[in-house]
Amino acid sequence: MTLTADTKKRIVIPGAAPGDVFACEQTDNAVILRRVYRKTPRKKLTKEQALKAIRRWKFKPAMSWEELRAMTRES
């Protein structure tokens, strides 16, 4: 297989996908690319799953509304 670089020194690697990361090892007469990792795409939640996650969320504010109002209002 022969790959040719363009004017910006880019090549297209068969089997590579956007987001792939490669380690480059350069020897006297060769360049070796090794795939380091490939990000796994996150599965999108359905609307029902997202709403269920929001309802289950246990958020406790660090301060009360009155304290927040006192800090943000001009005296």
N, C-alpha and C. Protein backbone atom coordinates (compact mmCIF):
# COMPACT_ATOMS: atom_id res chain seq x y z
N MET A 1 0.85 -1.16 0.00
CA MET A 1 0.00 0.00 0.00
C MET A 1 0.90 1.23 0.00
N THR A 2 0.58 2.18 -0.83
CA THR A 2 1.34 3.42 -0.93
C THR A 2 0.44 4.59 -0.54
N LEU A 3 0.92 5.41 0.37
CA LEU A 3 0.18 6.59 0.80
C LEU A 3 0.99 7.82 0.40
N THR A 4 0.31 8.86 -0.06
CA THR A 4 0.99 10.07 -0.50
C THR A 4 0.52 11.25 0.35
N ALA A 5 1.45 12.04 0.83
CA ALA A 5 1.12 13.21 1.63
C ALA A 5 0.74 14.37 0.72
N ASP A 6 -0.19 15.20 1.20
CA ASP A 6 -0.56 16.39 0.42
C ASP A 6 0.37 17.54 0.79
N THR A 7 0.07 18.75 0.33
CA THR A 7 0.95 19.89 0.57
C THR A 7 1.01 20.28 2.04
N LYS A 8 0.01 19.89 2.83
CA LYS A 8 0.00 20.19 4.26
C LYS A 8 0.53 19.01 5.08
N LYS A 9 1.19 18.06 4.43
CA LYS A 9 1.81 16.89 5.07
C LYS A 9 0.78 15.97 5.72
N ARG A 10 -0.40 15.85 5.10
CA ARG A 10 -1.44 14.98 5.62
C ARG A 10 -1.55 13.74 4.75
N ILE A 11 -1.88 12.62 5.37
CA ILE A 11 -2.18 11.39 4.64
C ILE A 11 -3.48 10.82 5.18
N VAL A 12 -4.12 9.99 4.38
CA VAL A 12 -5.35 9.32 4.80
C VAL A 12 -4.98 7.88 5.11
N ILE A 13 -5.30 7.45 6.33
CA ILE A 13 -4.97 6.09 6.77
C ILE A 13 -6.23 5.24 6.67
N PRO A 14 -6.19 4.18 5.87
CA PRO A 14 -7.36 3.31 5.78
C PRO A 14 -7.68 2.69 7.15
N GLY A 15 -8.92 2.67 7.51
CA GLY A 15 -9.33 2.09 8.78
C GLY A 15 -9.32 3.07 9.94
N ALA A 16 -8.78 4.27 9.74
CA ALA A 16 -8.77 5.27 10.80
C ALA A 16 -10.07 6.06 10.77
N ALA A 17 -10.49 6.50 11.92
CA ALA A 17 -11.73 7.28 12.05
C ALA A 17 -11.41 8.61 12.72
N PRO A 18 -12.24 9.61 12.52
CA PRO A 18 -12.00 10.88 13.21
C PRO A 18 -11.94 10.67 14.72
N GLY A 19 -10.95 11.26 15.37
CA GLY A 19 -10.78 11.12 16.80
C GLY A 19 -9.78 10.05 17.19
N ASP A 20 -9.32 9.23 16.26
CA ASP A 20 -8.30 8.23 16.58
C ASP A 20 -6.99 8.93 16.91
N VAL A 21 -6.24 8.36 17.85
CA VAL A 21 -4.96 8.92 18.26
C VAL A 21 -3.89 7.88 17.96
N PHE A 22 -2.79 8.34 17.36
CA PHE A 22 -1.71 7.45 16.98
C PHE A 22 -0.41 7.91 17.60
N ALA A 23 0.45 6.95 17.97
CA ALA A 23 1.81 7.24 18.42
C ALA A 23 2.72 7.03 17.21
N CYS A 24 3.61 7.97 16.98
CA CYS A 24 4.49 7.92 15.81
C CYS A 24 5.90 7.56 16.26
N GLU A 25 6.45 6.48 15.68
CA GLU A 25 7.83 6.08 15.95
C GLU A 25 8.60 6.20 14.64
N GLN A 26 9.66 6.98 14.65
CA GLN A 26 10.42 7.18 13.43
C GLN A 26 11.77 6.47 13.56
N THR A 27 12.06 5.60 12.59
CA THR A 27 13.35 4.93 12.53
C THR A 27 14.15 5.53 11.38
N ASP A 28 15.27 4.90 11.02
CA ASP A 28 16.12 5.44 9.95
C ASP A 28 15.37 5.62 8.64
N ASN A 29 14.63 4.61 8.24
CA ASN A 29 13.97 4.69 6.94
C ASN A 29 12.48 4.35 6.99
N ALA A 30 11.88 4.42 8.15
CA ALA A 30 10.46 4.07 8.24
C ALA A 30 9.78 4.90 9.34
N VAL A 31 8.48 5.03 9.20
CA VAL A 31 7.64 5.66 10.21
C VAL A 31 6.58 4.64 10.60
N ILE A 32 6.48 4.37 11.90
CA ILE A 32 5.51 3.39 12.39
C ILE A 32 4.45 4.13 13.21
N LEU A 33 3.20 3.94 12.84
CA LEU A 33 2.08 4.53 13.58
C LEU A 33 1.37 3.43 14.34
N ARG A 34 1.16 3.67 15.63
CA ARG A 34 0.42 2.72 16.46
C ARG A 34 -0.77 3.44 17.08
N ARG A 35 -1.94 2.82 16.96
CA ARG A 35 -3.14 3.42 17.55
C ARG A 35 -3.02 3.35 19.07
N VAL A 36 -3.17 4.51 19.72
CA VAL A 36 -3.05 4.57 21.18
C VAL A 36 -4.38 4.22 21.82
N TYR A 37 -5.41 4.92 21.45
CA TYR A 37 -6.74 4.61 21.97
C TYR A 37 -7.77 5.12 20.98
N ARG A 38 -8.94 4.64 21.13
CA ARG A 38 -10.05 5.09 20.30
C ARG A 38 -11.21 5.38 21.22
N LYS A 39 -11.69 6.60 21.16
CA LYS A 39 -12.80 6.97 22.02
C LYS A 39 -14.04 6.17 21.65
N THR A 40 -14.70 5.66 22.68
CA THR A 40 -15.94 4.96 22.42
C THR A 40 -17.08 5.98 22.48
N PRO A 41 -17.90 6.02 21.48
CA PRO A 41 -18.98 7.01 21.49
C PRO A 41 -19.98 6.71 22.60
N ARG A 42 -20.42 7.78 23.27
CA ARG A 42 -21.42 7.61 24.32
C ARG A 42 -22.78 7.41 23.69
N LYS A 43 -23.54 6.50 24.28
CA LYS A 43 -24.89 6.27 23.79
C LYS A 43 -25.77 7.43 24.25
N LYS A 44 -26.58 7.93 23.34
CA LYS A 44 -27.49 9.01 23.69
C LYS A 44 -28.66 8.44 24.50
N LEU A 45 -29.06 9.22 25.49
CA LEU A 45 -30.22 8.83 26.28
C LEU A 45 -31.50 9.16 25.52
N THR A 46 -32.49 8.33 25.73
CA THR A 46 -33.80 8.66 25.18
C THR A 46 -34.41 9.77 26.04
N LYS A 47 -35.44 10.39 25.56
CA LYS A 47 -36.09 11.46 26.32
C LYS A 47 -36.57 10.94 27.67
N GLU A 48 -37.13 9.75 27.68
CA GLU A 48 -37.64 9.18 28.92
C GLU A 48 -36.51 8.92 29.91
N GLN A 49 -35.38 8.40 29.41
CA GLN A 49 -34.24 8.13 30.28
C GLN A 49 -33.67 9.43 30.85
N ALA A 50 -33.60 10.48 30.03
CA ALA A 50 -33.09 11.76 30.49
C ALA A 50 -33.99 12.35 31.57
N LEU A 51 -35.30 12.31 31.37
CA LEU A 51 -36.22 12.83 32.37
C LEU A 51 -36.15 12.03 33.67
N LYS A 52 -36.01 10.72 33.56
CA LYS A 52 -35.90 9.88 34.74
C LYS A 52 -34.62 10.20 35.52
N ALA A 53 -33.51 10.43 34.80
CA ALA A 53 -32.24 10.79 35.46
C ALA A 53 -32.35 12.14 36.16
N ILE A 54 -33.04 13.08 35.55
CA ILE A 54 -33.22 14.40 36.17
C ILE A 54 -34.05 14.27 37.44
N ARG A 55 -35.08 13.46 37.42
CA ARG A 55 -35.93 13.28 38.61
C ARG A 55 -35.17 12.60 39.75
N ARG A 56 -34.23 11.70 39.41
CA ARG A 56 -33.47 10.98 40.43
C ARG A 56 -32.32 11.80 41.01
N TRP A 57 -31.97 12.91 40.38
CA TRP A 57 -30.81 13.69 40.76
C TRP A 57 -31.00 14.26 42.16
N LYS A 58 -30.03 14.02 43.04
CA LYS A 58 -30.10 14.48 44.43
C LYS A 58 -29.15 15.65 44.63
N PHE A 59 -29.59 16.83 44.24
CA PHE A 59 -28.75 18.02 44.38
C PHE A 59 -29.16 18.78 45.63
N LYS A 60 -28.17 19.08 46.46
CA LYS A 60 -28.43 19.87 47.66
C LYS A 60 -27.59 21.14 47.55
N PRO A 61 -28.22 22.29 47.47
CA PRO A 61 -27.46 23.53 47.36
C PRO A 61 -26.62 23.78 48.61
N ALA A 62 -25.50 24.46 48.44
CA ALA A 62 -24.60 24.74 49.55
C ALA A 62 -25.13 25.84 50.46
N MET A 63 -26.06 26.65 49.96
CA MET A 63 -26.61 27.74 50.77
C MET A 63 -28.10 27.88 50.49
N SER A 64 -28.75 28.58 51.36
CA SER A 64 -30.20 28.78 51.19
C SER A 64 -30.44 29.91 50.20
N TRP A 65 -31.68 30.01 49.73
CA TRP A 65 -32.04 31.07 48.79
C TRP A 65 -31.86 32.44 49.44
N GLU A 66 -32.17 32.54 50.74
CA GLU A 66 -32.04 33.82 51.43
C GLU A 66 -30.58 34.26 51.47
N GLU A 67 -29.65 33.33 51.75
CA GLU A 67 -28.22 33.67 51.76
C GLU A 67 -27.76 34.10 50.36
N LEU A 68 -28.22 33.41 49.34
CA LEU A 68 -27.86 33.75 47.97
C LEU A 68 -28.38 35.13 47.60
N ARG A 69 -29.62 35.44 47.95
CA ARG A 69 -30.20 36.75 47.67
C ARG A 69 -29.39 37.85 48.38
N ALA A 70 -29.01 37.60 49.64
CA ALA A 70 -28.26 38.61 50.40
C ALA A 70 -26.89 38.85 49.76
N MET A 71 -26.27 37.81 49.23
CA MET A 71 -24.95 37.97 48.60
C MET A 71 -25.03 38.68 47.25
N THR A 72 -26.11 38.48 46.50
CA THR A 72 -26.17 39.00 45.15
C THR A 72 -26.89 40.33 45.03
N ARG A 73 -27.61 40.74 46.04
CA ARG A 73 -28.34 42.01 45.99
C ARG A 73 -27.46 43.13 46.53
N GLU A 74 -27.60 44.28 45.94
CA GLU A 74 -26.85 45.44 46.44
C GLU A 74 -27.50 45.93 47.73
N SER A 75 -26.66 46.32 48.66
CA SER A 75 -27.17 46.80 49.96
C SER A 75 -27.34 48.29 49.95
